[in-house]
N, C-alpha and C. Protein backbone atom coordinates (compact mmCIF):
# COMPACT_ATOMS: atom_id res chain seq x y z
N MET A 1 -10.19 -416.17 -6.63
CA MET A 1 -11.37 -416.34 -7.42
C MET A 1 -11.31 -415.40 -8.62
N GLU A 2 -11.39 -415.96 -9.80
CA GLU A 2 -11.34 -415.17 -11.02
C GLU A 2 -12.73 -414.63 -11.35
N THR A 3 -12.79 -413.35 -11.69
CA THR A 3 -14.07 -412.73 -12.04
C THR A 3 -14.18 -412.65 -13.54
N LYS A 4 -15.30 -413.17 -14.08
CA LYS A 4 -15.56 -413.07 -15.52
C LYS A 4 -16.59 -411.97 -15.71
N ILE A 5 -16.33 -411.09 -16.65
CA ILE A 5 -17.21 -409.95 -16.88
C ILE A 5 -17.82 -410.05 -18.27
N ASN A 6 -19.10 -409.87 -18.34
CA ASN A 6 -19.85 -409.82 -19.58
C ASN A 6 -20.85 -408.69 -19.47
N THR A 7 -21.37 -408.23 -20.57
CA THR A 7 -22.42 -407.22 -20.51
C THR A 7 -23.70 -407.80 -21.11
N THR A 8 -24.81 -407.36 -20.58
CA THR A 8 -26.12 -407.76 -21.08
C THR A 8 -27.08 -406.63 -20.76
N ARG A 9 -28.25 -406.68 -21.34
CA ARG A 9 -29.23 -405.63 -21.15
C ARG A 9 -30.49 -406.22 -20.53
N VAL A 10 -31.10 -405.49 -19.60
CA VAL A 10 -32.38 -405.89 -19.05
C VAL A 10 -33.45 -405.52 -20.07
N SER A 11 -34.28 -406.50 -20.45
CA SER A 11 -35.30 -406.28 -21.46
C SER A 11 -36.67 -406.73 -20.94
N PRO A 12 -37.74 -406.10 -21.42
CA PRO A 12 -39.07 -406.54 -21.00
C PRO A 12 -39.34 -407.96 -21.50
N TRP A 13 -40.01 -408.75 -20.66
CA TRP A 13 -40.34 -410.12 -21.01
C TRP A 13 -41.71 -410.39 -20.39
N GLY A 14 -42.75 -410.26 -21.19
CA GLY A 14 -44.12 -410.38 -20.68
C GLY A 14 -44.37 -409.29 -19.65
N ASN A 15 -44.85 -409.66 -18.46
CA ASN A 15 -45.09 -408.70 -17.39
C ASN A 15 -43.87 -408.55 -16.48
N SER A 16 -42.75 -409.12 -16.89
CA SER A 16 -41.53 -409.08 -16.09
C SER A 16 -40.40 -408.48 -16.91
N ASN A 17 -39.20 -408.66 -16.43
CA ASN A 17 -37.99 -408.26 -17.15
C ASN A 17 -37.03 -409.44 -17.15
N GLY A 18 -36.14 -409.47 -18.13
CA GLY A 18 -35.22 -410.58 -18.21
C GLY A 18 -33.87 -410.16 -18.73
N ILE A 19 -32.89 -411.03 -18.54
CA ILE A 19 -31.55 -410.82 -19.10
C ILE A 19 -31.15 -412.10 -19.82
N ILE A 20 -30.23 -411.98 -20.74
CA ILE A 20 -29.68 -413.13 -21.45
C ILE A 20 -28.27 -413.35 -20.95
N LEU A 21 -27.98 -414.59 -20.55
CA LEU A 21 -26.64 -414.95 -20.09
C LEU A 21 -25.99 -415.81 -21.16
N ASN A 22 -24.74 -415.49 -21.52
CA ASN A 22 -24.10 -416.25 -22.59
C ASN A 22 -23.64 -417.62 -22.11
N LYS A 23 -23.34 -418.49 -23.06
CA LYS A 23 -22.98 -419.88 -22.75
C LYS A 23 -21.76 -419.98 -21.84
N ALA A 24 -20.77 -419.13 -22.04
CA ALA A 24 -19.55 -419.20 -21.23
C ALA A 24 -19.85 -418.95 -19.75
N ILE A 25 -20.69 -417.98 -19.47
CA ILE A 25 -21.06 -417.68 -18.09
C ILE A 25 -21.84 -418.84 -17.49
N LEU A 26 -22.79 -419.40 -18.25
CA LEU A 26 -23.58 -420.52 -17.76
C LEU A 26 -22.71 -421.75 -17.51
N GLN A 27 -21.75 -422.01 -18.40
CA GLN A 27 -20.84 -423.14 -18.20
C GLN A 27 -20.00 -422.94 -16.95
N GLU A 28 -19.49 -421.74 -16.77
CA GLU A 28 -18.67 -421.43 -15.59
C GLU A 28 -19.47 -421.64 -14.31
N ALA A 29 -20.77 -421.31 -14.35
CA ALA A 29 -21.63 -421.45 -13.17
C ALA A 29 -22.27 -422.82 -13.08
N ASP A 30 -21.96 -423.70 -14.03
CA ASP A 30 -22.52 -425.06 -14.08
C ASP A 30 -24.05 -425.02 -14.11
N ILE A 31 -24.59 -424.13 -14.95
CA ILE A 31 -26.03 -424.01 -15.16
C ILE A 31 -26.32 -424.44 -16.58
N GLU A 32 -27.34 -425.31 -16.73
CA GLU A 32 -27.71 -425.82 -18.05
C GLU A 32 -29.11 -425.39 -18.42
N VAL A 33 -29.40 -425.40 -19.72
CA VAL A 33 -30.73 -425.08 -20.21
C VAL A 33 -31.73 -426.00 -19.53
N GLY A 34 -32.80 -425.45 -19.02
CA GLY A 34 -33.84 -426.23 -18.35
C GLY A 34 -33.67 -426.31 -16.85
N ASP A 35 -32.52 -425.89 -16.31
CA ASP A 35 -32.32 -425.93 -14.86
C ASP A 35 -33.30 -424.99 -14.18
N MET A 36 -33.81 -425.40 -13.02
CA MET A 36 -34.61 -424.54 -12.18
C MET A 36 -33.65 -423.80 -11.26
N LEU A 37 -33.82 -422.49 -11.15
CA LEU A 37 -32.89 -421.68 -10.35
C LEU A 37 -33.60 -421.00 -9.20
N GLN A 38 -32.91 -420.94 -8.07
CA GLN A 38 -33.35 -420.10 -6.96
C GLN A 38 -32.55 -418.80 -7.10
N VAL A 39 -33.24 -417.67 -7.11
CA VAL A 39 -32.59 -416.38 -7.29
C VAL A 39 -32.70 -415.60 -5.99
N SER A 40 -31.57 -415.12 -5.49
CA SER A 40 -31.56 -414.31 -4.27
C SER A 40 -30.53 -413.20 -4.43
N THR A 41 -30.51 -412.30 -3.47
CA THR A 41 -29.51 -411.23 -3.48
C THR A 41 -28.69 -411.30 -2.21
N GLN A 42 -27.45 -410.86 -2.30
CA GLN A 42 -26.55 -410.78 -1.14
C GLN A 42 -25.80 -409.46 -1.19
N GLN A 43 -25.53 -408.90 -0.04
CA GLN A 43 -24.70 -407.72 0.04
C GLN A 43 -23.25 -408.17 0.17
N ILE A 44 -22.42 -407.79 -0.78
CA ILE A 44 -21.01 -408.15 -0.77
C ILE A 44 -20.19 -406.88 -0.97
N HIS A 45 -19.42 -406.53 0.02
CA HIS A 45 -18.57 -405.33 -0.03
C HIS A 45 -19.39 -404.11 -0.42
N GLY A 46 -20.57 -403.96 0.18
CA GLY A 46 -21.40 -402.78 -0.06
C GLY A 46 -22.15 -402.78 -1.37
N ARG A 47 -22.08 -403.87 -2.13
CA ARG A 47 -22.79 -403.95 -3.41
C ARG A 47 -23.77 -405.11 -3.35
N THR A 48 -24.83 -405.03 -4.14
CA THR A 48 -25.82 -406.10 -4.19
C THR A 48 -25.45 -407.07 -5.31
N ALA A 49 -25.30 -408.33 -4.95
CA ALA A 49 -25.00 -409.38 -5.94
C ALA A 49 -26.22 -410.26 -6.10
N ILE A 50 -26.50 -410.65 -7.34
CA ILE A 50 -27.57 -411.60 -7.61
C ILE A 50 -26.96 -412.99 -7.58
N VAL A 51 -27.54 -413.87 -6.75
CA VAL A 51 -27.01 -415.21 -6.56
C VAL A 51 -27.98 -416.21 -7.18
N LEU A 52 -27.45 -417.09 -8.05
CA LEU A 52 -28.25 -418.12 -8.70
C LEU A 52 -27.81 -419.48 -8.19
N GLU A 53 -28.76 -420.28 -7.72
CA GLU A 53 -28.45 -421.64 -7.27
C GLU A 53 -29.39 -422.59 -7.98
N THR A 54 -28.84 -423.68 -8.52
CA THR A 54 -29.68 -424.66 -9.20
C THR A 54 -30.51 -425.42 -8.17
N MET A 55 -31.73 -425.75 -8.56
CA MET A 55 -32.67 -426.47 -7.69
C MET A 55 -33.24 -427.66 -8.45
N ASN A 56 -32.43 -428.39 -9.13
CA ASN A 56 -32.91 -429.49 -9.95
C ASN A 56 -33.46 -430.61 -9.09
N GLU A 57 -34.49 -431.28 -9.61
CA GLU A 57 -35.05 -432.44 -8.94
C GLU A 57 -34.00 -433.54 -8.87
N PRO A 58 -33.91 -434.23 -7.75
CA PRO A 58 -32.94 -435.33 -7.68
C PRO A 58 -33.34 -436.46 -8.62
N THR A 59 -32.35 -437.17 -9.10
CA THR A 59 -32.62 -438.33 -9.96
C THR A 59 -33.18 -439.44 -9.11
N LEU A 60 -33.74 -440.47 -9.76
CA LEU A 60 -34.27 -441.61 -9.04
C LEU A 60 -33.17 -442.28 -8.21
N ALA A 61 -31.97 -442.36 -8.77
CA ALA A 61 -30.84 -442.97 -8.04
C ALA A 61 -30.51 -442.15 -6.79
N GLU A 62 -30.56 -440.82 -6.89
CA GLU A 62 -30.28 -439.97 -5.73
C GLU A 62 -31.37 -440.13 -4.67
N LYS A 63 -32.63 -440.22 -5.11
CA LYS A 63 -33.72 -440.43 -4.16
C LYS A 63 -33.56 -441.78 -3.46
N TYR A 64 -33.22 -442.82 -4.22
CA TYR A 64 -33.07 -444.17 -3.66
C TYR A 64 -31.93 -444.22 -2.65
N ALA A 65 -30.87 -443.46 -2.92
CA ALA A 65 -29.70 -443.49 -2.05
C ALA A 65 -30.03 -443.02 -0.64
N VAL A 66 -31.02 -442.16 -0.48
CA VAL A 66 -31.38 -441.65 0.85
C VAL A 66 -32.69 -442.23 1.37
N TYR A 67 -33.28 -443.18 0.64
CA TYR A 67 -34.56 -443.79 1.04
C TYR A 67 -34.38 -444.61 2.32
N GLN A 68 -35.26 -444.40 3.27
CA GLN A 68 -35.16 -445.10 4.54
C GLN A 68 -36.39 -445.95 4.83
N GLY A 69 -37.14 -446.29 3.83
CA GLY A 69 -38.33 -447.11 4.03
C GLY A 69 -39.56 -446.27 4.29
N THR A 70 -40.71 -446.92 4.29
CA THR A 70 -41.97 -446.23 4.52
C THR A 70 -42.11 -445.97 6.02
N PRO A 71 -42.35 -444.72 6.42
CA PRO A 71 -42.48 -444.43 7.84
C PRO A 71 -43.73 -445.09 8.42
N GLU A 72 -43.68 -445.43 9.70
CA GLU A 72 -44.82 -446.08 10.36
C GLU A 72 -46.03 -445.17 10.40
N THR A 73 -45.83 -443.88 10.28
CA THR A 73 -46.94 -442.92 10.34
C THR A 73 -47.61 -442.73 8.98
N TYR A 74 -47.15 -443.44 7.95
CA TYR A 74 -47.71 -443.28 6.60
C TYR A 74 -49.17 -443.74 6.58
N GLU A 75 -50.02 -442.95 5.94
CA GLU A 75 -51.41 -443.32 5.74
C GLU A 75 -51.69 -443.29 4.24
N LYS A 76 -52.37 -444.31 3.76
CA LYS A 76 -52.71 -444.36 2.34
C LYS A 76 -53.61 -443.17 2.00
N PRO A 77 -53.45 -442.60 0.80
CA PRO A 77 -54.37 -441.55 0.36
C PRO A 77 -55.78 -442.11 0.27
N ASP A 78 -56.78 -441.25 0.41
CA ASP A 78 -58.18 -441.68 0.40
C ASP A 78 -58.53 -442.51 -0.83
N ASP A 79 -57.98 -442.16 -1.99
CA ASP A 79 -58.34 -442.89 -3.21
C ASP A 79 -57.71 -444.28 -3.27
N LEU A 80 -56.82 -444.63 -2.34
CA LEU A 80 -56.21 -445.96 -2.33
C LEU A 80 -56.65 -446.81 -1.13
N LYS A 81 -57.39 -446.21 -0.21
CA LYS A 81 -57.74 -446.92 1.02
C LYS A 81 -58.62 -448.15 0.76
N ASP A 82 -59.41 -448.16 -0.30
CA ASP A 82 -60.29 -449.29 -0.59
C ASP A 82 -59.58 -450.40 -1.36
N TRP A 83 -58.34 -450.21 -1.75
CA TRP A 83 -57.62 -451.25 -2.47
C TRP A 83 -57.26 -452.38 -1.52
N SER A 84 -57.32 -453.57 -2.00
CA SER A 84 -57.05 -454.73 -1.17
C SER A 84 -55.55 -455.01 -1.09
N ASP A 85 -55.12 -455.38 0.07
CA ASP A 85 -53.75 -455.86 0.26
C ASP A 85 -53.74 -457.39 0.41
N GLY A 86 -54.89 -458.02 0.15
CA GLY A 86 -55.04 -459.45 0.39
C GLY A 86 -54.64 -460.29 -0.81
N GLU A 87 -55.15 -461.49 -0.82
CA GLU A 87 -54.85 -462.46 -1.86
C GLU A 87 -55.50 -462.07 -3.18
N SER A 88 -54.87 -462.46 -4.29
CA SER A 88 -55.47 -462.23 -5.60
C SER A 88 -56.57 -463.27 -5.81
N PHE A 89 -57.58 -462.92 -6.60
CA PHE A 89 -58.65 -463.86 -6.86
C PHE A 89 -58.85 -464.06 -8.34
N GLY A 90 -57.96 -463.53 -9.15
CA GLY A 90 -58.01 -463.71 -10.59
C GLY A 90 -56.65 -464.15 -11.07
N LYS A 91 -56.21 -463.58 -12.16
CA LYS A 91 -54.90 -463.94 -12.69
C LYS A 91 -53.88 -462.83 -12.43
N GLU A 92 -54.11 -462.05 -11.39
CA GLU A 92 -53.18 -460.99 -11.05
C GLU A 92 -51.85 -461.58 -10.59
N ILE A 93 -50.83 -460.86 -10.79
CA ILE A 93 -49.51 -461.29 -10.33
C ILE A 93 -49.17 -460.47 -9.10
N TRP A 94 -48.90 -461.15 -8.00
CA TRP A 94 -48.55 -460.45 -6.77
C TRP A 94 -47.12 -460.61 -6.44
């Protein structure tokens, strides 16, 4: 495993602190602008490492690929319970 080294500074950011990661590091980690990240720490060889994992929402195609149908235990939300599942009585398309 090749280690890439860069330097950055921790800076105040609102009520928190932040760092800037350069494009090369983000590309190497396969992280893109707008990605949601889970941040954790791990002890590795007696040192604390910050671990970043992407948590992006799955695409519609990814959701469909694992879709197994509506479960039998599904209950309509209260705001939909009064909607009819019956025949149309106007020019609705069913």
